[in-house]
Each structure stands twice: as C-alpha cells, then as structure tokens.
Amino acid sequence: SAKDAYHDTVKAALKKDGWVITHDPLVLELSSGRLEIDLGAEGSVAQREGIQIAVEIKSFLTPSLTSEFHTALGQFLNYRVALRLKEPNRVLFLAVPVKVYRNFFAGELAQLSVAEYNVKLLIFDPELIQGYTLAPLSTPITRGRDRDRSLGPPAWDS
C-alpha cells in the first residue's frame, strides 16, 4: 500500500521519543492474505523497555473526514484482530494529525467510537518547524493481555 503523507513525520517523532523502529512496514501474513501496518516499534527507554507497538498512520486529507474515519476505524479493527493472532503482545495505535484530532475527533461520533472500540490514539503535529512531536497517548500503554495494568505515562518531549 502507498505510504501515508505523514509516514516519515510519525517515524521521526517515534524515534525522537525513544522508540526503535523495528518494522517499516509491519507485515502480518494470514491465510486470507497479507496485511501491512505502517510501523512496528519497540520501547528503548526504561519506562517502555520491551513494549512493542504497531502504528497505523492516517492523514485525513480527503474532503470527507467521516468517510475516511469509517475506513480508518475498520482498518484499525481488522489490524487489531490480526495482531492478536500473530503478535498478541503488540499494542496498536492510530496516528492522526493534531488538527484532525481537535476538529474531528472531538465530535460525538468519533468520541463514542474511540471509547466503544478502545482505539488508542497517537497525536502528532506535522506543522512544527522541526517537523515532529508526539502528544500524550489517549490511553496508557499496557503489556499484552494485562489491559488493566498501566505502565505509567511515557515521557513526552515538547
């Protein structure tokens, strides 16, 4: 699949924040076909050491944000199902630009859907002079199936 417009921005932001990119893309082979999640990464700082994440990056550059959200949510849910089968300890995140987060994800449909489907968001700002930054994740990262045990908030640089 084609790389998202913000692929390199998010990749650089993850590296800056102490993540080691392990897959670009993260490929999951299923009997029904091949899935490619944009990035796979592993924590390298003590607080996140050994934590594995997958990141699907969405630009939301089309005129219909609702339509793009439907597509992104369906893709996210399918990727999460495949990850549970192939890499159950890897946590999936949906990366979205900060403007989209503020303008669209603040809306009722997005809020209800994010809560209902436990979508973990990674918010990035592509317009900074350095080109990257990450905002705190909307939910804490947890290890594997132990979803109630928080590892604490990551240290996010501004």
Protein backbone atom coordinates (compact mmCIF):
# COMPACT_ATOMS: atom_id res chain seq x y z
CA SER A 1 0.00 0.00 0.00
CA ALA A 2 1.08 3.59 -0.56
CA LYS A 3 2.75 5.32 2.35
CA ASP A 4 0.65 7.91 4.12
CA ALA A 5 1.58 11.57 3.62
CA TYR A 6 2.82 11.76 7.22
CA HIS A 7 4.67 8.43 7.36
CA ASP A 8 8.16 9.92 7.70
CA THR A 9 6.92 12.56 10.17
CA VAL A 10 5.48 9.97 12.54
CA LYS A 11 8.50 7.70 12.12
CA ALA A 12 10.86 10.58 13.06
CA ALA A 13 8.66 11.53 16.02
CA LEU A 14 8.69 7.98 17.38
CA LYS A 15 12.49 7.84 17.08
CA LYS A 16 12.82 11.23 18.80
CA ASP A 17 10.62 9.94 21.61
CA GLY A 18 12.88 6.95 22.24
CA TRP A 19 11.17 4.24 20.19
CA VAL A 20 13.21 1.95 17.96
CA ILE A 21 11.53 1.33 14.60
CA THR A 22 11.63 -2.45 14.09
CA HIS A 23 9.32 -2.78 11.06
CA ASP A 24 8.52 -0.44 8.16
CA PRO A 25 6.01 -1.79 7.38
CA LEU A 26 4.97 -4.42 9.92
CA VAL A 27 3.78 -7.33 7.77
CA LEU A 28 1.24 -9.87 9.02
CA GLU A 29 0.70 -12.96 6.88
CA LEU A 30 -2.73 -14.54 7.14
CA SER A 31 -4.17 -17.42 5.13
CA SER A 32 -6.52 -14.88 3.53
CA GLY A 33 -3.71 -12.52 2.56
CA ARG A 34 -1.05 -10.11 3.68
CA LEU A 35 -1.67 -7.07 5.91
CA GLU A 36 0.79 -4.19 6.22
CA ILE A 37 0.63 -1.90 9.26
CA ASP A 38 2.64 1.28 8.70
CA LEU A 39 5.18 0.89 11.53
CA GLY A 40 6.29 -1.51 14.22
CA ALA A 41 8.38 -0.18 17.11
CA GLU A 42 9.81 -1.19 20.46
CA GLY A 43 10.44 0.92 23.53
CA SER A 44 14.08 1.54 24.35
CA VAL A 45 13.88 3.70 27.46
CA ALA A 46 13.48 2.06 30.86
CA GLN A 47 9.83 3.04 31.28
CA ARG A 48 8.88 1.34 27.98
CA GLU A 49 11.63 -1.25 27.59
CA GLY A 50 10.30 -4.35 25.87
CA ILE A 51 6.95 -2.78 24.96
CA GLN A 52 6.05 -3.40 21.34
CA ILE A 53 3.67 -1.19 19.40
CA ALA A 54 2.22 -1.04 15.90
CA VAL A 55 1.22 2.30 14.41
CA GLU A 56 -1.23 2.86 11.57
CA ILE A 57 -0.86 6.42 10.25
CA LYS A 58 -3.81 8.31 8.79
CA SER A 59 -3.61 11.76 7.20
CA PHE A 60 -7.32 12.58 6.89
CA LEU A 61 -6.65 14.75 3.83
CA THR A 62 -9.81 13.82 1.90
CA PRO A 63 -12.84 16.13 1.77
CA SER A 64 -14.99 13.70 3.78
CA LEU A 65 -13.43 13.18 7.21
CA THR A 66 -16.36 10.98 8.24
CA SER A 67 -15.83 8.64 5.30
CA GLU A 68 -12.08 8.49 5.97
CA PHE A 69 -12.80 7.83 9.65
CA HIS A 70 -15.04 4.88 8.72
CA THR A 71 -12.25 3.43 6.60
CA ALA A 72 -9.58 4.08 9.25
CA LEU A 73 -11.68 2.54 12.03
CA GLY A 74 -12.46 -0.58 10.01
CA GLN A 75 -8.79 -0.98 9.09
CA PHE A 76 -7.73 -0.42 12.71
CA LEU A 77 -10.15 -3.10 13.98
CA ASN A 78 -9.03 -5.61 11.33
CA TYR A 79 -5.37 -4.96 12.14
CA ARG A 80 -6.03 -5.41 15.86
CA VAL A 81 -7.70 -8.79 15.23
CA ALA A 82 -4.74 -9.91 13.12
CA LEU A 83 -2.23 -8.67 15.72
CA ARG A 84 -4.00 -10.61 18.48
CA LEU A 85 -3.49 -13.74 16.39
CA LYS A 86 0.06 -13.11 15.13
CA GLU A 87 1.66 -10.78 17.71
CA PRO A 88 -0.57 -10.68 20.79
CA ASN A 89 1.84 -8.58 22.88
CA ARG A 90 1.97 -5.72 20.36
CA VAL A 91 -0.31 -2.72 21.08
CA LEU A 92 -1.92 -1.00 18.07
CA PHE A 93 -2.21 2.79 17.75
CA LEU A 94 -3.92 5.01 15.22
CA ALA A 95 -1.78 8.09 14.47
CA VAL A 96 -3.66 11.24 13.46
CA PRO A 97 -2.65 14.88 12.94
CA VAL A 98 -3.38 17.21 15.84
CA LYS A 99 -5.71 19.42 13.74
CA VAL A 100 -7.83 16.39 12.83
CA TYR A 101 -7.84 15.31 16.45
CA ARG A 102 -9.05 18.72 17.62
CA ASN A 103 -11.56 19.31 14.81
CA PHE A 104 -12.95 15.84 14.10
CA PHE A 105 -12.10 13.51 16.99
CA ALA A 106 -13.70 15.97 19.42
CA GLY A 107 -17.04 15.25 17.72
CA GLU A 108 -19.63 12.92 19.16
CA LEU A 109 -19.32 10.10 16.60
CA ALA A 110 -15.55 9.90 16.89
CA GLN A 111 -15.62 10.14 20.71
CA LEU A 112 -18.23 7.39 21.01
CA SER A 113 -16.40 5.15 18.52
CA VAL A 114 -12.97 5.64 20.12
CA ALA A 115 -14.45 4.73 23.50
CA GLU A 116 -16.57 1.82 22.23
CA TYR A 117 -13.74 0.19 20.30
CA ASN A 118 -10.91 1.17 22.65
CA VAL A 119 -8.95 2.91 19.91
CA LYS A 120 -5.56 4.04 21.15
CA LEU A 121 -4.59 7.32 19.52
CA LEU A 122 -1.18 8.81 18.84
CA ILE A 123 -1.47 12.52 18.06
CA PHE A 124 1.23 14.27 16.04
CA ASP A 125 1.80 17.81 14.79
CA PRO A 126 3.20 17.87 11.23
CA GLU A 127 3.47 21.67 11.18
CA LEU A 128 6.20 22.20 13.75
CA ILE A 129 9.44 23.70 12.49
CA GLN A 130 11.33 20.51 13.38
CA GLY A 131 8.59 18.55 11.64
CA TYR A 132 7.66 16.31 14.53
CA THR A 133 6.38 15.92 18.04
CA LEU A 134 4.09 13.48 19.80
CA ALA A 135 1.34 14.32 22.22
CA PRO A 136 0.50 12.01 25.10
CA LEU A 137 -1.37 8.90 24.10
CA SER A 138 -5.07 8.96 24.88
CA THR A 139 -4.77 5.80 26.96
CA PRO A 140 -1.82 4.28 28.80
CA ILE A 141 0.18 1.53 27.16
CA THR A 142 -0.34 -1.84 28.81
CA ARG A 143 1.55 -5.06 28.41
CA GLY A 144 -0.02 -7.88 26.41
CA ARG A 145 -3.38 -9.03 27.62
CA ASP A 146 -2.98 -7.36 31.02
CA ARG A 147 -5.08 -4.38 29.88
CA ASP A 148 -5.76 -3.09 33.41
CA ARG A 149 -2.11 -2.75 34.40
CA SER A 150 -0.75 0.60 33.29
CA LEU A 151 2.96 1.05 32.82
CA GLY A 152 2.54 4.74 33.53
CA PRO A 153 2.58 7.63 31.11
CA PRO A 154 5.53 7.88 28.75
CA ALA A 155 7.82 10.88 28.96
CA TRP A 156 6.75 13.10 26.05
CA ASP A 157 9.06 15.86 24.85
CA SER A 158 7.60 19.14 23.62
